C-alpha atoms as a PDB file:
ATOM      1  CA  MET A   1     -76.421-161.076 -20.717  1.00  0.00           C
ATOM      2  CA  ARG A   2     -79.397-159.246 -18.929  1.00  0.00           C
ATOM      3  CA  LEU A   3     -78.474-157.720 -16.032  1.00  0.00           C
ATOM      4  CA  GLY A   4     -79.989-156.046 -13.705  1.00  0.00           C
ATOM      5  CA  LEU A   5     -79.126-152.526 -11.551  1.00  0.00           C
ATOM      6  CA  ILE A   6     -80.597-151.707  -8.688  1.00  0.00           C
ATOM      7  CA  GLY A   7     -79.822-148.316  -7.091  1.00  0.00           C
ATOM      8  CA  LEU A   8     -79.334-145.383  -9.843  1.00  0.00           C
ATOM      9  CA  GLY A   9     -77.450-143.042  -7.127  1.00  0.00           C
ATOM     10  CA  ARG A  10     -74.046-141.552  -8.329  1.00  0.00           C
ATOM     11  CA  ILE A  11     -72.776-144.347  -8.844  1.00  0.00           C
ATOM     12  CA  GLY A  12     -75.331-146.792  -9.672  1.00  0.00           C
ATOM     13  CA  SER A  13     -76.024-143.972 -13.250  1.00  0.00           C
ATOM     14  CA  PHE A  14     -72.808-144.339 -13.754  1.00  0.00           C
ATOM     15  CA  HIS A  15     -72.618-148.063 -14.081  1.00  0.00           C
ATOM     16  CA  ALA A  16     -76.414-147.614 -16.331  1.00  0.00           C
ATOM     17  CA  ASP A  17     -74.279-145.984 -18.774  1.00  0.00           C
ATOM     18  CA  THR A  18     -71.800-148.484 -18.418  1.00  0.00           C
ATOM     19  CA  LEU A  19     -73.537-151.684 -18.016  1.00  0.00           C
ATOM     20  CA  SER A  20     -75.597-150.589 -21.632  1.00  0.00           C
ATOM     21  CA  GLN A  21     -72.265-150.368 -23.786  1.00  0.00           C
ATOM     22  CA  LEU A  22     -71.234-153.229 -22.701  1.00  0.00           C
ATOM     23  CA  PRO A  23     -70.466-155.968 -25.321  1.00  0.00           C
ATOM     24  CA  ASP A  24     -72.077-158.636 -23.393  1.00  0.00           C
ATOM     25  CA  VAL A  25     -74.383-156.925 -21.623  1.00  0.00           C
ATOM     26  CA  ASP A  26     -77.951-157.303 -24.378  1.00  0.00           C
ATOM     27  CA  SER A  27     -80.653-155.826 -21.733  1.00  0.00           C
ATOM     28  CA  LEU A  28     -80.172-153.688 -18.802  1.00  0.00           C
ATOM     29  CA  VAL A  29     -83.621-153.502 -15.881  1.00  0.00           C
ATOM     30  CA  VAL A  30     -82.486-150.777 -13.911  1.00  0.00           C
ATOM     31  CA  THR A  31     -84.299-150.341 -10.781  1.00  0.00           C
ATOM     32  CA  ASP A  32     -84.210-146.877  -7.904  1.00  0.00           C
ATOM     33  CA  VAL A  33     -86.558-146.200  -4.353  1.00  0.00           C
ATOM     34  CA  VAL A  34     -86.807-143.153  -6.282  1.00  0.00           C
ATOM     35  CA  ALA A  35     -89.549-144.140  -9.336  1.00  0.00           C
ATOM     36  CA  GLU A  36     -89.589-141.176 -11.341  1.00  0.00           C
ATOM     37  CA  VAL A  37     -85.940-141.494 -11.338  1.00  0.00           C
ATOM     38  CA  THR A  38     -86.039-144.891 -12.338  1.00  0.00           C
ATOM     39  CA  ARG A  39     -87.885-143.610 -15.486  1.00  0.00           C
ATOM     40  CA  ALA A  40     -85.799-141.896 -17.010  1.00  0.00           C
ATOM     41  CA  MET A  41     -83.143-143.118 -16.043  1.00  0.00           C
ATOM     42  CA  ALA A  42     -84.702-146.233 -18.344  1.00  0.00           C
ATOM     43  CA  ASP A  43     -84.768-143.962 -20.382  1.00  0.00           C
ATOM     44  CA  ARG A  44     -81.455-142.301 -20.537  1.00  0.00           C
ATOM     45  CA  VAL A  45     -79.433-145.212 -21.527  1.00  0.00           C
ATOM     46  CA  GLY A  46     -82.939-147.362 -23.318  1.00  0.00           C
ATOM     47  CA  ALA A  47     -83.277-150.109 -20.006  1.00  0.00           C
ATOM     48  CA  ASP A  48     -86.531-152.021 -18.616  1.00  0.00           C
ATOM     49  CA  VAL A  49     -88.027-150.639 -15.692  1.00  0.00           C
ATOM     50  CA  ALA A  50     -88.424-152.896 -12.585  1.00  0.00           C
ATOM     51  CA  GLU A  51     -90.834-151.500  -9.378  1.00  0.00           C
ATOM     52  CA  SER A  52     -88.210-152.963  -6.648  1.00  0.00           C
ATOM     53  CA  PRO A  53     -85.369-155.436  -6.425  1.00  0.00           C
ATOM     54  CA  ALA A  54     -88.157-157.810  -6.195  1.00  0.00           C
ATOM     55  CA  SER A  55     -89.317-157.355  -8.931  1.00  0.00           C
ATOM     56  CA  LEU A  56     -86.129-157.558 -11.246  1.00  0.00           C
ATOM     57  CA  LEU A  57     -85.342-160.655  -9.118  1.00  0.00           C
ATOM     58  CA  ARG A  58     -88.165-162.069 -11.195  1.00  0.00           C
ATOM     59  CA  ASP A  59     -87.548-160.594 -14.727  1.00  0.00           C
ATOM     60  CA  GLY A  60     -85.240-163.494 -14.788  1.00  0.00           C
ATOM     61  CA  VAL A  61     -81.626-161.780 -15.350  1.00  0.00           C
ATOM     62  CA  ASP A  62     -78.507-163.162 -15.823  1.00  0.00           C
ATOM     63  CA  ALA A  63     -77.013-161.554 -12.417  1.00  0.00           C
ATOM     64  CA  ILE A  64     -77.140-158.000 -10.469  1.00  0.00           C
ATOM     65  CA  VAL A  65     -75.566-154.816  -9.850  1.00  0.00           C
ATOM     66  CA  ILE A  66     -75.992-153.180  -5.609  1.00  0.00           C
ATOM     67  CA  ALA A  67     -75.066-149.718  -6.524  1.00  0.00           C
ATOM     68  CA  ALA A  68     -77.827-149.093  -3.480  1.00  0.00           C
ATOM     69  CA  ALA A  69     -77.165-147.467  -0.284  1.00  0.00           C
ATOM     70  CA  THR A  70     -74.786-149.286   1.534  1.00  0.00           C
ATOM     71  CA  ASP A  71     -78.155-150.105   4.211  1.00  0.00           C
ATOM     72  CA  ALA A  72     -79.335-151.934   1.747  1.00  0.00           C
ATOM     73  CA  HIS A  73     -76.554-154.467   0.603  1.00  0.00           C
ATOM     74  CA  THR A  74     -76.578-157.678   2.725  1.00  0.00           C
ATOM     75  CA  GLU A  75     -80.738-157.724   2.216  1.00  0.00           C
ATOM     76  CA  LEU A  76     -79.330-157.489  -1.997  1.00  0.00           C
ATOM     77  CA  ILE A  77     -76.509-159.917  -2.041  1.00  0.00           C
ATOM     78  CA  ARG A  78     -78.229-162.298   0.263  1.00  0.00           C
ATOM     79  CA  ALA A  79     -81.913-161.642  -2.380  1.00  0.00           C
ATOM     80  CA  GLY A  80     -78.572-162.463  -4.881  1.00  0.00           C
ATOM     81  CA  VAL A  81     -77.141-165.719  -3.689  1.00  0.00           C
ATOM     82  CA  ASP A  82     -81.094-167.165  -3.004  1.00  0.00           C
ATOM     83  CA  ALA A  83     -81.408-166.035  -6.433  1.00  0.00           C
ATOM     84  CA  GLY A  84     -79.210-167.988  -7.273  1.00  0.00           C
ATOM     85  CA  VAL A  85     -77.331-164.982  -9.822  1.00  0.00           C
ATOM     86  CA  PRO A  86     -74.092-163.101  -9.345  1.00  0.00           C
ATOM     87  CA  VAL A  87     -73.648-160.592  -7.521  1.00  0.00           C
ATOM     88  CA  PHE A  88     -72.026-156.949  -7.663  1.00  0.00           C
ATOM     89  CA  CYS A  89     -72.094-155.591  -5.140  1.00  0.00           C
ATOM     90  CA  GLU A  90     -70.036-151.684  -4.083  1.00  0.00           C
ATOM     91  CA  LYS A  91     -68.550-151.639  -1.217  1.00  0.00           C
ATOM     92  CA  PRO A  92     -68.947-152.499   1.781  1.00  0.00           C
ATOM     93  CA  LEU A  93     -71.217-155.595   2.057  1.00  0.00           C
ATOM     94  CA  SER A  94     -72.135-153.102   5.266  1.00  0.00           C
ATOM     95  CA  ALA A  95     -71.028-151.155   7.691  1.00  0.00           C
ATOM     96  CA  ASP A  96     -71.774-152.863  10.828  1.00  0.00           C
ATOM     97  CA  LEU A  97     -68.958-155.427  10.769  1.00  0.00           C
ATOM     98  CA  ALA A  98     -70.515-158.561  12.462  1.00  0.00           C
ATOM     99  CA  GLU A  99     -73.583-158.286   9.983  1.00  0.00           C
ATOM    100  CA  ALA A 100     -70.435-158.322   6.498  1.00  0.00           C
ATOM    101  CA  ALA A 101     -69.534-161.073   8.630  1.00  0.00           C
ATOM    102  CA  ALA A 102     -72.285-162.593   8.536  1.00  0.00           C
ATOM    103  CA  ILE A 103     -73.660-161.457   4.996  1.00  0.00           C
ATOM    104  CA  ALA A 104     -69.493-163.128   3.809  1.00  0.00           C
ATOM    105  CA  ARG A 105     -69.713-166.049   5.621  1.00  0.00           C
ATOM    106  CA  TYR A 106     -73.854-166.578   3.953  1.00  0.00           C
ATOM    107  CA  VAL A 107     -72.090-165.905   0.225  1.00  0.00           C
ATOM    108  CA  THR A 108     -69.379-168.540   1.051  1.00  0.00           C
ATOM    109  CA  GLU A 109     -72.683-171.510   2.919  1.00  0.00           C
ATOM    110  CA  HIS A 110     -73.630-170.877  -0.808  1.00  0.00           C
ATOM    111  CA  GLY A 111     -70.807-171.153  -2.773  1.00  0.00           C
ATOM    112  CA  ALA A 112     -71.884-167.378  -5.177  1.00  0.00           C
ATOM    113  CA  GLY A 113     -70.448-165.512  -7.057  1.00  0.00           C
ATOM    114  CA  VAL A 114     -70.044-161.816  -5.677  1.00  0.00           C
ATOM    115  CA  GLN A 115     -67.835-159.361  -6.072  1.00  0.00           C
ATOM    116  CA  VAL A 116     -67.240-156.773  -4.146  1.00  0.00           C
ATOM    117  CA  GLY A 117     -66.830-152.589  -6.060  1.00  0.00           C
ATOM    118  CA  TYR A 118     -62.818-151.842  -5.176  1.00  0.00           C
ATOM    119  CA  PRO A 119     -61.709-149.639  -8.650  1.00  0.00           C
ATOM    120  CA  ARG A 120     -58.481-149.357  -8.303  1.00  0.00           C
ATOM    121  CA  ARG A 121     -57.732-152.882  -8.686  1.00  0.00           C
ATOM    122  CA  PHE A 122     -58.824-152.508 -12.194  1.00  0.00           C
ATOM    123  CA  ASP A 123     -56.289-149.740 -12.724  1.00  0.00           C
ATOM    124  CA  PRO A 124     -53.728-150.240 -15.299  1.00  0.00           C
ATOM    125  CA  ALA A 125     -50.679-148.764 -13.298  1.00  0.00           C
ATOM    126  CA  PHE A 126     -52.380-150.353 -10.301  1.00  0.00           C
ATOM    127  CA  SER A 127     -52.958-153.482 -11.887  1.00  0.00           C
ATOM    128  CA  ALA A 128     -48.798-153.033 -12.850  1.00  0.00           C
ATOM    129  CA  ALA A 129     -47.268-152.708  -9.465  1.00  0.00           C
ATOM    130  CA  ARG A 130     -49.260-156.364  -8.938  1.00  0.00           C
ATOM    131  CA  GLN A 131     -47.413-157.597 -11.535  1.00  0.00           C
ATOM    132  CA  ALA A 132     -44.435-156.690 -10.810  1.00  0.00           C
ATOM    133  CA  VAL A 133     -44.495-157.179  -7.413  1.00  0.00           C
ATOM    134  CA  GLU A 134     -45.784-161.014  -8.163  1.00  0.00           C
ATOM    135  CA  ALA A 135     -43.124-161.338 -10.688  1.00  0.00           C
ATOM    136  CA  GLY A 136     -40.224-160.868  -8.440  1.00  0.00           C
ATOM    137  CA  GLU A 137     -39.453-156.974  -9.944  1.00  0.00           C
ATOM    138  CA  LEU A 138     -38.572-155.713  -6.576  1.00  0.00           C
ATOM    139  CA  GLY A 139     -37.219-158.597  -4.428  1.00  0.00           C
ATOM    140  CA  TRP A 140     -38.678-157.909  -0.811  1.00  0.00           C
ATOM    141  CA  VAL A 141     -41.073-154.896  -0.613  1.00  0.00           C
ATOM    142  CA  HIS A 142     -40.736-153.427   2.956  1.00  0.00           C
ATOM    143  CA  THR A 143     -42.305-149.960   2.229  1.00  0.00           C
ATOM    144  CA  VAL A 144     -45.688-149.032   0.853  1.00  0.00           C
ATOM    145  CA  ARG A 145     -47.454-145.402   0.589  1.00  0.00           C
ATOM    146  CA  SER A 146     -50.566-145.368  -0.650  1.00  0.00           C
ATOM    147  CA  THR A 147     -52.320-141.691  -0.935  1.00  0.00           C
ATOM    148  CA  THR A 148     -56.058-140.884  -0.881  1.00  0.00           C
ATOM    149  CA  LEU A 149     -56.510-136.660  -0.737  1.00  0.00           C
ATOM    150  CA  ASP A 150     -60.149-135.900  -1.375  1.00  0.00           C
ATOM    151  CA  PRO A 151     -61.022-132.093  -2.839  1.00  0.00           C
ATOM    152  CA  ALA A 152     -63.425-131.201  -0.104  1.00  0.00           C
ATOM    153  CA  PRO A 153     -65.678-133.480   2.498  1.00  0.00           C
ATOM    154  CA  ALA A 154     -68.853-134.819   1.184  1.00  0.00           C
ATOM    155  CA  PRO A 155     -71.798-133.089   2.251  1.00  0.00           C
ATOM    156  CA  ARG A 156     -72.428-133.831   6.405  1.00  0.00           C
ATOM    157  CA  ALA A 157     -75.904-136.197   5.021  1.00  0.00           C
ATOM    158  CA  TYR A 158     -73.052-137.862   3.919  1.00  0.00           C
ATOM    159  CA  ILE A 159     -70.691-137.842   6.247  1.00  0.00           C
ATOM    160  CA  GLU A 160     -73.695-138.544   9.426  1.00  0.00           C
ATOM    161  CA  THR A 161     -73.437-142.368   7.885  1.00  0.00           C
ATOM    162  CA  SER A 162     -70.202-142.464   6.094  1.00  0.00           C
ATOM    163  CA  GLY A 163     -68.962-144.729   8.921  1.00  0.00           C
ATOM    164  CA  GLY A 164     -66.071-142.102   8.907  1.00  0.00           C
ATOM    165  CA  ILE A 165     -62.905-141.555   6.852  1.00  0.00           C
ATOM    166  CA  PHE A 166     -61.593-145.210   7.165  1.00  0.00           C
ATOM    167  CA  ARG A 167     -64.555-147.389   7.289  1.00  0.00           C
ATOM    168  CA  ASP A 168     -65.183-144.534   4.105  1.00  0.00           C
ATOM    169  CA  CYS A 169     -61.933-143.603   2.252  1.00  0.00           C
ATOM    170  CA  SER A 170     -59.152-145.845   3.432  1.00  0.00           C
ATOM    171  CA  VAL A 171     -60.741-147.963   2.443  1.00  0.00           C
ATOM    172  CA  HIS A 172     -59.478-147.520  -1.120  1.00  0.00           C
ATOM    173  CA  ASP A 173     -56.542-147.940   0.122  1.00  0.00           C
ATOM    174  CA  PHE A 174     -56.267-150.391   2.416  1.00  0.00           C
ATOM    175  CA  ASP A 175     -57.765-152.922  -0.015  1.00  0.00           C
ATOM    176  CA  THR A 176     -55.649-151.400  -2.903  1.00  0.00           C
ATOM    177  CA  VAL A 177     -51.509-152.241  -0.235  1.00  0.00           C
ATOM    178  CA  ARG A 178     -53.281-155.675   1.106  1.00  0.00           C
ATOM    179  CA  TRP A 179     -54.299-156.573  -2.663  1.00  0.00           C
ATOM    180  CA  VAL A 180     -50.482-154.927  -4.859  1.00  0.00           C
ATOM    181  CA  THR A 181     -48.696-156.768  -1.373  1.00  0.00           C
ATOM    182  CA  GLY A 182     -50.594-159.889  -1.036  1.00  0.00           C
ATOM    183  CA  ARG A 183     -49.730-159.746   1.951  1.00  0.00           C
ATOM    184  CA  GLU A 184     -52.101-159.480   5.582  1.00  0.00           C
ATOM    185  CA  VAL A 185     -52.635-156.482   7.859  1.00  0.00           C
ATOM    186  CA  VAL A 186     -51.171-157.653  11.035  1.00  0.00           C
ATOM    187  CA  GLU A 187     -51.153-154.062  13.436  1.00  0.00           C
ATOM    188  CA  VAL A 188     -52.075-151.406  12.916  1.00  0.00           C
ATOM    189  CA  TYR A 189     -51.711-147.413  13.446  1.00  0.00           C
ATOM    190  CA  ALA A 190     -53.466-144.512  13.294  1.00  0.00           C
ATOM    191  CA  THR A 191     -53.679-140.515  13.482  1.00  0.00           C
ATOM    192  CA  GLY A 192     -55.655-137.545  12.901  1.00  0.00           C
ATOM    193  CA  SER A 193     -57.280-134.820  13.565  1.00  0.00           C
ATOM    194  CA  ALA A 194     -60.508-133.208  13.209  1.00  0.00           C
ATOM    195  CA  ARG A 195     -60.045-129.670  12.019  1.00  0.00           C
ATOM    196  CA  GLY A 196     -61.883-128.486  10.042  1.00  0.00           C
ATOM    197  CA  ALA A 197     -66.170-128.340   9.790  1.00  0.00           C
ATOM    198  CA  ASP A 198     -67.240-129.172  13.017  1.00  0.00           C
ATOM    199  CA  VAL A 199     -69.139-131.931  11.784  1.00  0.00           C
ATOM    200  CA  PHE A 200     -65.947-134.397  11.626  1.00  0.00           C
ATOM    201  CA  ALA A 201     -65.098-133.623  15.536  1.00  0.00           C
ATOM    202  CA  GLU A 202     -69.007-133.851  16.434  1.00  0.00           C
ATOM    203  CA  LEU A 203     -69.128-137.245  15.257  1.00  0.00           C
ATOM    204  CA  GLY A 204     -65.750-138.373  16.956  1.00  0.00           C
ATOM    205  CA  ASP A 205     -64.673-138.412  13.499  1.00  0.00           C
ATOM    206  CA  VAL A 206     -61.050-136.547  11.404  1.00  0.00           C
ATOM    207  CA  ALA A 207     -60.827-134.390   8.386  1.00  0.00           C
ATOM    208  CA  THR A 208     -56.685-136.175   8.249  1.00  0.00           C
ATOM    209  CA  ALA A 209     -55.678-138.984   8.392  1.00  0.00           C
ATOM    210  CA  ALA A 210     -52.708-140.847   8.324  1.00  0.00           C
ATOM    211  CA  THR A 211     -52.662-145.414   9.257  1.00  0.00           C
ATOM    212  CA  LEU A 212     -49.524-146.922   9.280  1.00  0.00           C
ATOM    213  CA  LEU A 213     -50.095-150.965   8.387  1.00  0.00           C
ATOM    214  CA  THR A 214     -48.248-153.717   9.475  1.00  0.00           C
ATOM    215  CA  PHE A 215     -47.827-156.740   7.064  1.00  0.00           C
ATOM    216  CA  ASP A 216     -47.642-160.266   8.013  1.00  0.00           C
ATOM    217  CA  ASP A 217     -44.329-160.514   6.906  1.00  0.00           C
ATOM    218  CA  GLY A 218     -42.681-157.495   8.040  1.00  0.00           C
ATOM    219  CA  ALA A 219     -42.991-154.948   5.563  1.00  0.00           C
ATOM    220  CA  THR A 220     -45.202-151.050   6.758  1.00  0.00           C
ATOM    221  CA  ALA A 221     -48.102-149.106   4.738  1.00  0.00           C
ATOM    222  CA  VAL A 222     -48.272-145.301   5.107  1.00  0.00           C
ATOM    223  CA  VAL A 223     -51.823-144.315   4.330  1.00  0.00           C
ATOM    224  CA  SER A 224     -52.221-140.923   3.571  1.00  0.00           C
ATOM    225  CA  ASN A 225     -55.493-139.197   3.213  1.00  0.00           C
ATOM    226  CA  THR A 226     -57.817-135.989   3.814  1.00  0.00           C
ATOM    227  CA  ARG A 227     -60.712-134.282   2.885  1.00  0.00           C
ATOM    228  CA  TYR A 228     -59.811-130.982   2.370  1.00  0.00           C
ATOM    229  CA  ASN A 229     -56.622-131.454  -0.757  1.00  0.00           C
ATOM    230  CA  PRO A 230     -58.022-128.462  -3.013  1.00  0.00           C
ATOM    231  CA  ARG A 231     -56.626-128.803  -6.064  1.00  0.00           C
ATOM    232  CA  GLY A 232     -57.789-131.915  -6.782  1.00  0.00           C
ATOM    233  CA  TYR A 233     -58.571-135.559  -6.655  1.00  0.00           C
ATOM    234  CA  ASP A 234     -55.120-137.148  -5.424  1.00  0.00           C
ATOM    235  CA  VAL A 235     -55.215-140.935  -5.034  1.00  0.00           C
ATOM    236  CA  ARG A 236     -51.023-142.297  -6.056  1.00  0.00           C
ATOM    237  CA  LEU A 237     -49.091-145.827  -4.636  1.00  0.00           C
ATOM    238  CA  GLU A 238     -45.853-145.956  -4.457  1.00  0.00           C
ATOM    239  CA  LEU A 239     -44.399-149.705  -3.681  1.00  0.00           C
ATOM    240  CA  HIS A 240     -40.203-150.237  -2.787  1.00  0.00           C
ATOM    241  CA  GLY A 241     -38.777-152.864  -2.236  1.00  0.00           C
ATOM    242  CA  THR A 242     -34.941-154.461  -1.793  1.00  0.00           C
ATOM    243  CA  ALA A 243     -34.452-154.430  -6.031  1.00  0.00           C
ATOM    244  CA  ASP A 244     -36.476-152.074  -7.388  1.00  0.00           C
ATOM    245  CA  SER A 245     -39.310-149.054  -6.172  1.00  0.00           C
ATOM    246  CA  VAL A 246     -42.334-148.447  -9.127  1.00  0.00           C
ATOM    247  CA  ALA A 247     -45.381-146.231  -8.528  1.00  0.00           C
ATOM    248  CA  ALA A 248     -48.799-145.580  -9.566  1.00  0.00           C
ATOM    249  CA  GLY A 249     -51.260-142.432 -10.039  1.00  0.00           C
ATOM    250  CA  TRP A 250     -48.215-139.649 -10.696  1.00  0.00           C
ATOM    251  CA  SER A 251     -49.373-138.612 -14.326  1.00  0.00           C
ATOM    252  CA  ASP A 252     -49.889-134.911 -16.108  1.00  0.00           C
ATOM    253  CA  THR A 253     -53.167-134.920 -14.296  1.00  0.00           C
ATOM    254  CA  THR A 254     -51.703-135.531 -10.860  1.00  0.00           C
ATOM    255  CA  PRO A 255     -53.076-133.231  -8.339  1.00  0.00           C
ATOM    256  CA  LEU A 256     -49.773-131.254  -7.393  1.00  0.00           C
ATOM    257  CA  ARG A 257     -48.243-128.178  -7.980  1.00  0.00           C
ATOM    258  CA  ASN A 258     -44.197-128.973  -8.534  1.00  0.00           C
ATOM    259  CA  LEU A 259     -41.522-126.688  -7.785  1.00  0.00           C
ATOM    260  CA  GLU A 260     -38.812-127.978  -9.413  1.00  0.00           C
ATOM    261  CA  PRO A 261     -36.476-124.760 -10.886  1.00  0.00           C
ATOM    262  CA  GLY A 262     -37.729-125.489 -15.059  1.00  0.00           C
ATOM    263  CA  ALA A 263     -39.921-128.723 -14.005  1.00  0.00           C
ATOM    264  CA  THR A 264     -43.363-128.523 -16.267  1.00  0.00           C
ATOM    265  CA  TRP A 265     -44.792-131.817 -15.548  1.00  0.00           C
ATOM    266  CA  PRO A 266     -48.160-132.682 -14.685  1.00  0.00           C
ATOM    267  CA  SER A 267     -48.565-130.347 -17.620  1.00  0.00           C
ATOM    268  CA  GLY A 268     -52.429-131.043 -17.919  1.00  0.00           C
ATOM    269  CA  PRO A 269     -55.395-129.842 -16.317  1.00  0.00           C
ATOM    270  CA  PRO A 270     -55.801-131.718 -12.645  1.00  0.00           C
ATOM    271  CA  ALA A 271     -57.742-135.311 -11.601  1.00  0.00           C
ATOM    272  CA  THR A 272     -61.249-132.929  -9.847  1.00  0.00           C
ATOM    273  CA  PHE A 273     -63.560-135.201  -9.040  1.00  0.00           C
ATOM    274  CA  PHE A 274     -62.991-139.870  -8.163  1.00  0.00           C
ATOM    275  CA  MET A 275     -64.716-140.080 -11.517  1.00  0.00           C
ATOM    276  CA  ASP A 276     -62.295-137.935 -13.595  1.00  0.00           C
ATOM    277  CA  ARG A 277     -59.053-140.460 -12.229  1.00  0.00           C
ATOM    278  CA  LEU A 278     -60.893-143.724 -12.141  1.00  0.00           C
ATOM    279  CA  ALA A 279     -63.544-143.936 -14.903  1.00  0.00           C
ATOM    280  CA  ALA A 280     -61.442-146.260 -16.832  1.00  0.00           C
ATOM    281  CA  ALA A 281     -60.834-148.316 -14.005  1.00  0.00           C
ATOM    282  CA  PHE A 282     -65.102-148.287 -12.711  1.00  0.00           C
ATOM    283  CA  ARG A 283     -65.479-149.071 -16.530  1.00  0.00           C
ATOM    284  CA  ALA A 284     -63.282-151.516 -16.566  1.00  0.00           C
ATOM    285  CA  GLU A 285     -64.322-153.718 -13.415  1.00  0.00           C
ATOM    286  CA  LEU A 286     -67.884-153.996 -14.620  1.00  0.00           C
ATOM    287  CA  GLN A 287     -66.943-155.513 -18.097  1.00  0.00           C
ATOM    288  CA  ALA A 288     -64.669-157.316 -15.521  1.00  0.00           C
ATOM    289  CA  PHE A 289     -67.941-158.770 -13.304  1.00  0.00           C
ATOM    290  CA  THR A 290     -69.399-159.756 -16.242  1.00  0.00           C
ATOM    291  CA  ASP A 291     -66.547-162.430 -16.595  1.00  0.00           C
ATOM    292  CA  VAL A 292     -67.572-164.018 -13.541  1.00  0.00           C
ATOM    293  CA  VAL A 293     -70.950-163.406 -15.546  1.00  0.00           C
ATOM    294  CA  ALA A 294     -69.807-165.105 -18.212  1.00  0.00           C
ATOM    295  CA  GLY A 295     -68.198-168.106 -16.258  1.00  0.00           C
ATOM    296  CA  ARG A 296     -64.988-167.402 -17.546  1.00  0.00           C
ATOM    297  CA  ARG A 297     -63.382-166.301 -14.567  1.00  0.00           C
ATOM    298  CA  THR A 298     -64.145-166.477 -11.170  1.00  0.00           C
ATOM    299  CA  SER A 299     -64.611-163.218  -8.825  1.00  0.00           C
ATOM    300  CA  PRO A 300     -61.151-160.813  -8.477  1.00  0.00           C
ATOM    301  CA  CYS A 301     -62.423-158.935  -5.172  1.00  0.00           C
ATOM    302  CA  THR A 302     -64.533-161.419  -3.093  1.00  0.00           C
ATOM    303  CA  VAL A 303     -66.143-160.826  -0.178  1.00  0.00           C
ATOM    304  CA  ASP A 304     -63.877-162.659   2.116  1.00  0.00           C
ATOM    305  CA  ASP A 305     -61.541-159.820   0.134  1.00  0.00           C
ATOM    306  CA  ALA A 306     -64.344-156.893   1.765  1.00  0.00           C
ATOM    307  CA  LEU A 307     -64.555-158.562   5.129  1.00  0.00           C
ATOM    308  CA  ALA A 308     -60.801-158.316   5.089  1.00  0.00           C
ATOM    309  CA  VAL A 309     -60.618-154.357   4.792  1.00  0.00           C
ATOM    310  CA  ALA A 310     -63.286-154.423   6.578  1.00  0.00           C
ATOM    311  CA  TYR A 311     -60.929-155.582   9.361  1.00  0.00           C
ATOM    312  CA  ILE A 312     -58.560-153.278   8.824  1.00  0.00           C
ATOM    313  CA  ALA A 313     -60.621-149.858   9.098  1.00  0.00           C
ATOM    314  CA  GLU A 314     -62.558-151.075  12.489  1.00  0.00           C
ATOM    315  CA  ALA A 315     -58.657-151.544  13.908  1.00  0.00           C
ATOM    316  CA  ALA A 316     -57.810-148.010  12.118  1.00  0.00           C
ATOM    317  CA  THR A 317     -61.142-146.569  13.934  1.00  0.00           C
ATOM    318  CA  LEU A 318     -60.242-148.718  17.287  1.00  0.00           C
ATOM    319  CA  SER A 319     -56.190-146.959  17.144  1.00  0.00           C
ATOM    320  CA  LEU A 320     -57.970-144.023  16.686  1.00  0.00           C
ATOM    321  CA  HIS A 321     -60.416-144.127  19.994  1.00  0.00           C
ATOM    322  CA  GLU A 322     -57.528-145.334  21.478  1.00  0.00           C
ATOM    323  CA  HIS A 323     -54.700-144.071  20.912  1.00  0.00           C
ATOM    324  CA  ARG A 324     -52.839-147.299  20.692  1.00  0.00           C
ATOM    325  CA  PRO A 325     -51.544-149.846  17.928  1.00  0.00           C
ATOM    326  CA  VAL A 326     -53.678-153.096  17.413  1.00  0.00           C
ATOM    327  CA  ARG A 327     -53.644-155.954  16.124  1.00  0.00           C
ATOM    328  CA  ILE A 328     -56.753-157.192  13.449  1.00  0.00           C
ATOM    329  CA  ASP A 329     -57.373-160.078  15.547  1.00  0.00           C
ATOM    330  CA  GLU A 330     -58.979-158.529  18.696  1.00  0.00           C
ATOM    331  CA  VAL A 331     -61.180-156.679  15.831  1.00  0.00           C
ATOM    332  CA  ARG A 332     -61.999-160.331  14.071  1.00  0.00           C
ATOM    333  CA  LEU A 333     -65.515-161.786  14.577  1.00  0.00           C
ATOM    334  CA  PRO A 334     -65.056-165.830  15.098  1.00  0.00           C
END
């Protein structure tokens, strides 16, 4: 198959390397708003060059992968749908909730194959946790704990356009707990602290957050996030049920210092970057997309999934500012 890649920044560069090595991909076409970046990437991975997303789509690609800036996502998704090709798009659908809901409706109305990028669904341990829940091995799940701890804040320019910690960081946890449990979140309570760089307080954002989610069956999840975890990049999940308890993300690269006397775990160097921790998951995610393109499977992360996560993030943001629990129905758009 011939795939088009739009956007060649940090994640787009990684995707270019991955796509160029996948067995189903015969050729790759790349484009970026910076022409020099496009040419350099094409030379590096042996791809063809497109001057723009429009010319890339006219080039006869079988599908597109969108790794461009967030404000271009909805326009590019629509362009791919109108061209009749499957689309992979990095999260989020849009920074604007109404725009996200509109593009989700457009995709659904056209019956298009769109996959949204939430790579933890493809982490082997996270997938095993979902399978354990589906198989009934845990009995009924009552408690979930999900963690994402960044080593350090992103640059100020990124934070200013991120939409806040819940829309930028916590969404990965929100998607994970919803997907693993198979349940819908009905209520959110969020709190946090802006302690750290001045930019967080200036923007009404927080650097450290805790979110309590209540599911439609009464189970609860606690999501923990921070921009300050100098020991490394920490992504973990715990599920506790009436018959068993399981965990994902515990390995020799887990960035924790174990104080148990005589303990030797974790013994390896800690993960310090999200691409280190989730590199295999990102590759598996794109391999899954080639299966979508080939018609071997349906989208493993739909626009409806992404919109559900956007509602949780919106509710968490509102809860933080109003210091109260927020029902998902309060932020859901008609």
